[in-house]
Amino acid sequence: MERGPGAGAGRWGPVSCVLTGASRGFGRSLARLLAPRFGEGSVLLLLARSAAPLADLAAELRGSAAGLRVECVAADLGCEQGLRQATAALREVLPSGPPGRLLLINNAGSLGDISKSFLDLTDPDEINSYFAFNVTSALCLTSTALQTFGKRPGSSRTVVNISSLCALKPFKSWALYCSGKASRDMMFQVLALEEPDIRVLNYAPGPLDTDMQLLARTKTGDPEMRQQFQSLQESRKLIDCTVSAQKLVNLLEEDTFPSGAHVDFYDI
């Protein structure tokens, strides 16, 4: 993906793009930055649980680039019905998209119940539900998208996992979130190893100023961790979603990262 003076305005050529967790926060900011860069004939499939904000975003983006087709699917990726709905949309949309480039961004995710310590996590339904949404859906959507798009002569395929420092470092009260992020990082490293012609990136966007951060500083069970998150907000060290999303766009345009790498906002 070429970058340089005047980057944007369809600079990336025709793209088939799938973005999960698109209705708010980082995903919404990223969608707004990506859409104008897609060339005529591109297709953008937005997935999220919240139907109304997703539809609003799709309507906004339809006018952002010439010939851009924007589709949206409101589905709960944490339940089997929602995941089947999302994979069906992939199988319908991707074959009709342009052949040149596939971009899949796995952004959807949740914190889980961060009021609980490790020893409080005894309900298998709660734990399985968390991993169904945060790990299983990412694997199923990615494998389905790659199979559906297929290996096309002269085409490129890029898969992005929105990761976290929590994939590398344990945080008290965050057993589910840390293990989910670590699992996803390793899962996509395996993809990079198995499929060397697919570009794979684990991008940690930094501490974003989002609803998730609000939960972190108000609901985290461990008081020391809760205070750390409050200090981030009080010292204005939270990152604007658009700033971090722009760094990811730059990474994709430069396209020099080792496939499977974990790249943090602060590394760039």
Protein backbone atom coordinates (compact mmCIF):
# COMPACT_ATOMS: atom_id res chain seq x y z
CA MET A 1 0.00 0.00 0.00
CA GLU A 2 1.73 3.09 -1.25
CA ARG A 3 2.29 6.12 0.90
CA GLY A 4 3.58 9.54 -0.04
CA PRO A 5 2.57 13.08 -0.85
CA GLY A 6 -1.15 13.26 -1.40
CA ALA A 7 -1.80 9.85 0.14
CA GLY A 8 -5.53 9.19 0.36
CA ALA A 9 -8.31 9.79 -2.17
CA GLY A 10 -8.31 6.23 -3.47
CA ARG A 11 -4.55 5.89 -3.28
CA TRP A 12 -4.77 2.24 -2.23
CA GLY A 13 -6.68 1.16 -5.32
CA PRO A 14 -9.60 -1.29 -5.14
CA VAL A 15 -9.85 -2.97 -1.71
CA SER A 16 -12.16 -5.53 -0.14
CA CYS A 17 -12.13 -4.56 3.54
CA VAL A 18 -13.78 -6.14 6.58
CA LEU A 19 -13.75 -4.25 9.90
CA THR A 20 -15.24 -5.63 13.12
CA GLY A 21 -16.20 -3.50 16.11
CA ALA A 22 -16.83 -0.61 13.72
CA SER A 23 -19.70 1.20 15.44
CA ARG A 24 -17.73 3.22 17.99
CA GLY A 25 -14.33 4.14 19.43
CA PHE A 26 -11.22 2.98 17.62
CA GLY A 27 -13.11 1.02 14.96
CA ARG A 28 -15.27 4.01 14.00
CA SER A 29 -12.22 6.31 13.77
CA LEU A 30 -10.37 3.74 11.69
CA ALA A 31 -13.27 3.31 9.27
CA ARG A 32 -13.36 7.07 8.68
CA LEU A 33 -9.64 7.14 7.87
CA LEU A 34 -9.67 4.07 5.63
CA ALA A 35 -12.73 4.71 3.45
CA PRO A 36 -11.34 7.73 1.53
CA ARG A 37 -8.19 5.76 0.70
CA PHE A 38 -10.05 3.00 -1.10
CA GLY A 39 -10.22 3.21 -4.88
CA GLU A 40 -13.30 2.95 -7.07
CA GLY A 41 -15.00 -0.43 -6.93
CA SER A 42 -13.92 -1.07 -3.33
CA VAL A 43 -16.20 -2.74 -0.80
CA LEU A 44 -16.21 -2.08 2.95
CA LEU A 45 -18.04 -4.48 5.25
CA LEU A 46 -18.66 -3.10 8.75
CA LEU A 47 -19.55 -5.44 11.61
CA ALA A 48 -20.68 -4.54 15.14
CA ARG A 49 -23.38 -5.31 17.69
CA SER A 50 -25.01 -1.85 17.73
CA ALA A 51 -27.27 -1.49 14.70
CA ALA A 52 -28.13 2.23 14.82
CA PRO A 53 -24.61 3.72 15.10
CA LEU A 54 -23.38 1.15 12.57
CA ALA A 55 -26.02 2.23 10.05
CA ASP A 56 -25.20 5.90 10.67
CA LEU A 57 -21.51 5.26 10.01
CA ALA A 58 -22.25 3.31 6.84
CA ALA A 59 -24.43 6.17 5.53
CA GLU A 60 -21.67 8.68 6.30
CA LEU A 61 -18.95 6.64 4.58
CA ARG A 62 -20.93 5.96 1.42
CA GLY A 63 -20.24 9.52 0.34
CA SER A 64 -16.56 9.53 1.31
CA ALA A 65 -15.08 7.81 -1.77
CA ALA A 66 -16.15 7.44 -5.38
CA GLY A 67 -17.67 4.07 -6.14
CA LEU A 68 -17.24 2.74 -2.59
CA ARG A 69 -19.79 0.09 -1.61
CA VAL A 70 -20.42 0.05 2.14
CA GLU A 71 -22.30 -2.82 3.75
CA CYS A 72 -23.01 -3.25 7.45
CA VAL A 73 -24.12 -6.21 9.53
CA ALA A 74 -25.32 -5.83 13.12
CA ALA A 75 -24.52 -9.12 14.82
CA ASP A 76 -23.39 -10.38 18.22
CA LEU A 77 -20.20 -12.24 17.37
CA GLY A 78 -20.23 -13.86 20.80
CA CYS A 79 -23.21 -16.08 20.00
CA GLU A 80 -23.43 -18.78 17.37
CA GLN A 81 -26.32 -17.17 15.48
CA GLY A 82 -24.54 -13.82 15.24
CA LEU A 83 -21.29 -15.39 14.11
CA ARG A 84 -23.12 -17.39 11.43
CA GLN A 85 -24.80 -14.18 10.27
CA ALA A 86 -21.41 -12.46 10.00
CA THR A 87 -19.69 -15.32 8.16
CA ALA A 88 -22.66 -15.52 5.76
CA ALA A 89 -22.17 -11.81 5.00
CA LEU A 90 -18.48 -12.44 4.26
CA ARG A 91 -19.36 -15.22 1.82
CA GLU A 92 -21.87 -12.94 0.10
CA VAL A 93 -19.85 -9.71 -0.06
CA LEU A 94 -16.25 -10.78 -0.66
CA PRO A 95 -16.77 -12.67 -3.95
CA SER A 96 -18.38 -9.53 -5.42
CA GLY A 97 -15.54 -7.29 -4.24
CA PRO A 98 -12.46 -6.31 -6.24
CA PRO A 99 -9.81 -9.02 -6.71
CA GLY A 100 -6.71 -6.98 -5.93
CA ARG A 101 -6.52 -6.62 -2.16
CA LEU A 102 -8.15 -8.04 0.97
CA LEU A 103 -7.86 -6.14 4.27
CA LEU A 104 -9.37 -7.76 7.36
CA ILE A 105 -9.22 -5.90 10.69
CA ASN A 106 -10.24 -7.80 13.82
CA ASN A 107 -11.07 -4.93 16.17
CA ALA A 108 -14.12 -6.22 18.08
CA GLY A 109 -13.39 -7.07 21.70
CA SER A 110 -14.54 -6.69 25.28
CA LEU A 111 -13.00 -6.35 28.75
CA GLY A 112 -15.03 -9.00 30.54
CA ASP A 113 -15.95 -8.57 34.20
CA ILE A 114 -12.86 -6.73 35.48
CA SER A 115 -14.38 -6.37 38.96
CA LYS A 116 -13.43 -10.01 39.54
CA SER A 117 -10.10 -11.47 40.55
CA PHE A 118 -8.78 -14.75 39.14
CA LEU A 119 -10.27 -16.66 42.10
CA ASP A 120 -13.72 -15.19 41.42
CA LEU A 121 -13.85 -16.63 37.89
CA THR A 122 -15.59 -19.94 38.56
CA ASP A 123 -18.54 -19.87 36.13
CA PRO A 124 -17.68 -21.79 32.94
CA ASP A 125 -20.57 -20.18 31.03
CA GLU A 126 -19.19 -16.70 31.74
CA ILE A 127 -15.68 -17.73 30.72
CA ASN A 128 -16.74 -19.60 27.58
CA SER A 129 -18.94 -16.67 26.54
CA TYR A 130 -15.97 -14.31 26.87
CA PHE A 131 -13.69 -16.44 24.72
CA ALA A 132 -16.44 -17.12 22.18
CA PHE A 133 -16.64 -13.39 21.46
CA ASN A 134 -13.00 -12.42 21.85
CA VAL A 135 -11.15 -15.42 20.39
CA THR A 136 -13.44 -17.87 18.59
CA SER A 137 -15.18 -15.24 16.47
CA ALA A 138 -11.87 -13.68 15.36
CA LEU A 139 -10.56 -17.08 14.26
CA CYS A 140 -13.75 -18.07 12.43
CA LEU A 141 -14.17 -14.71 10.68
CA THR A 142 -10.54 -14.62 9.59
CA SER A 143 -10.45 -18.16 8.25
CA THR A 144 -13.78 -17.65 6.46
CA ALA A 145 -12.65 -14.36 4.90
CA LEU A 146 -9.35 -15.83 3.70
CA GLN A 147 -11.04 -18.93 2.27
CA THR A 148 -13.74 -16.89 0.56
CA PHE A 149 -11.33 -14.36 -0.95
CA GLY A 150 -8.90 -17.15 -1.86
CA LYS A 151 -5.50 -16.95 -3.48
CA ARG A 152 -5.88 -14.76 -6.54
CA PRO A 153 -3.04 -14.04 -8.98
CA GLY A 154 -1.48 -10.66 -8.25
CA SER A 155 -3.62 -10.10 -5.15
CA SER A 156 -2.52 -9.28 -1.60
CA ARG A 157 -4.09 -10.22 1.72
CA THR A 158 -3.53 -8.41 5.02
CA VAL A 159 -4.94 -9.42 8.41
CA VAL A 160 -4.79 -7.05 11.38
CA ASN A 161 -5.49 -8.03 14.97
CA ILE A 162 -6.13 -5.13 17.34
CA SER A 163 -4.02 -6.23 20.26
CA SER A 164 -2.94 -4.72 23.57
CA LEU A 165 -0.06 -4.44 25.99
CA CYS A 166 -2.18 -6.95 27.93
CA ALA A 167 -1.23 -9.60 25.37
CA LEU A 168 2.32 -9.39 26.75
CA LYS A 169 1.93 -8.23 30.36
CA PRO A 170 -0.40 -9.46 33.15
CA PHE A 171 -2.76 -6.96 34.80
CA LYS A 172 -4.47 -7.73 38.12
CA SER A 173 -8.26 -8.26 37.79
CA TRP A 174 -7.87 -8.65 34.02
CA ALA A 175 -7.41 -12.44 33.71
CA LEU A 176 -9.97 -12.77 30.92
CA TYR A 177 -8.83 -9.74 28.91
CA CYS A 178 -5.10 -10.53 29.18
CA SER A 179 -5.52 -14.19 28.29
CA GLY A 180 -7.87 -13.35 25.42
CA LYS A 181 -5.44 -10.83 23.94
CA ALA A 182 -2.47 -13.20 24.39
CA SER A 183 -4.44 -15.97 22.72
CA ARG A 184 -5.29 -13.78 19.75
CA ASP A 185 -1.69 -12.63 19.30
CA MET A 186 -0.43 -16.21 19.22
CA MET A 187 -3.27 -17.32 16.96
CA PHE A 188 -2.31 -14.71 14.36
CA GLN A 189 1.38 -15.53 14.72
CA VAL A 190 0.47 -19.09 13.72
CA LEU A 191 -1.39 -17.72 10.67
CA ALA A 192 1.71 -15.72 9.68
CA LEU A 193 3.85 -18.86 9.99
CA GLU A 194 1.46 -21.10 8.04
CA GLU A 195 0.66 -18.58 5.29
CA PRO A 196 3.80 -16.57 4.40
CA ASP A 197 2.03 -14.84 1.51
CA ILE A 198 -0.47 -13.25 3.96
CA ARG A 199 0.63 -10.10 5.78
CA VAL A 200 -0.29 -10.35 9.47
CA LEU A 201 -0.04 -7.57 12.08
CA ASN A 202 -0.83 -7.48 15.80
CA TYR A 203 -1.28 -3.76 16.53
CA ALA A 204 -1.59 -2.49 20.13
CA PRO A 205 -3.25 0.95 19.88
CA GLY A 206 -2.23 2.19 23.34
CA PRO A 207 -4.49 3.45 26.16
CA LEU A 208 -7.34 4.94 24.15
CA ASP A 209 -9.81 7.53 25.40
CA THR A 210 -12.87 5.30 25.02
CA ASP A 211 -15.78 3.81 26.97
CA MET A 212 -13.52 0.82 27.66
CA GLN A 213 -11.05 3.07 29.47
CA LEU A 214 -13.91 4.55 31.49
CA LEU A 215 -14.77 1.01 32.62
CA ALA A 216 -11.11 0.33 33.40
CA ARG A 217 -10.80 3.26 35.80
CA THR A 218 -14.18 2.75 37.48
CA LYS A 219 -14.77 -1.02 37.54
CA THR A 220 -11.32 -2.66 37.88
CA GLY A 221 -11.43 -4.76 41.05
CA ASP A 222 -7.79 -4.29 42.04
CA PRO A 223 -7.50 -0.83 43.67
CA GLU A 224 -3.87 -0.28 42.59
CA MET A 225 -4.71 -1.02 38.96
CA ARG A 226 -7.82 1.16 39.14
CA GLN A 227 -5.71 4.06 40.41
CA GLN A 228 -3.22 3.60 37.56
CA PHE A 229 -6.00 3.92 35.01
CA GLN A 230 -7.41 6.97 36.80
CA SER A 231 -3.94 8.57 36.72
CA LEU A 232 -3.73 8.05 32.97
CA GLN A 233 -6.92 10.02 32.52
CA GLU A 234 -6.05 12.73 35.05
CA SER A 235 -2.59 13.30 33.51
CA ARG A 236 -4.14 13.44 30.02
CA LYS A 237 -2.09 10.49 28.77
CA LEU A 238 -5.02 8.76 27.10
CA ILE A 239 -4.70 8.61 23.31
CA ASP A 240 -7.28 9.98 20.91
CA CYS A 241 -8.67 7.14 18.77
CA THR A 242 -8.00 9.00 15.52
CA VAL A 243 -4.34 9.56 16.42
CA SER A 244 -3.77 5.84 17.05
CA ALA A 245 -5.83 4.82 14.01
CA GLN A 246 -3.66 7.08 11.84
CA LYS A 247 -0.56 5.26 13.09
CA LEU A 248 -2.10 1.95 12.04
CA VAL A 249 -2.95 3.38 8.60
CA ASN A 250 0.67 4.53 8.27
CA LEU A 251 1.90 1.04 9.20
CA LEU A 252 -0.32 -0.50 6.53
CA GLU A 253 0.82 2.02 3.92
CA GLU A 254 4.51 1.50 4.66
CA ASP A 255 3.98 -2.30 4.86
CA THR A 256 7.46 -3.00 6.24
CA PHE A 257 6.52 -4.78 9.49
CA PRO A 258 7.58 -8.45 9.87
CA SER A 259 4.49 -10.59 9.32
CA GLY A 260 3.06 -11.70 12.67
CA ALA A 261 4.78 -8.87 14.56
CA HIS A 262 3.34 -7.20 17.66
CA VAL A 263 3.68 -3.45 17.13
CA ASP A 264 2.71 -1.02 19.89
CA PHE A 265 1.55 2.59 19.40
CA TYR A 266 4.61 3.73 21.38
CA ASP A 267 7.00 1.72 19.16
CA ILE A 268 6.29 3.92 16.15
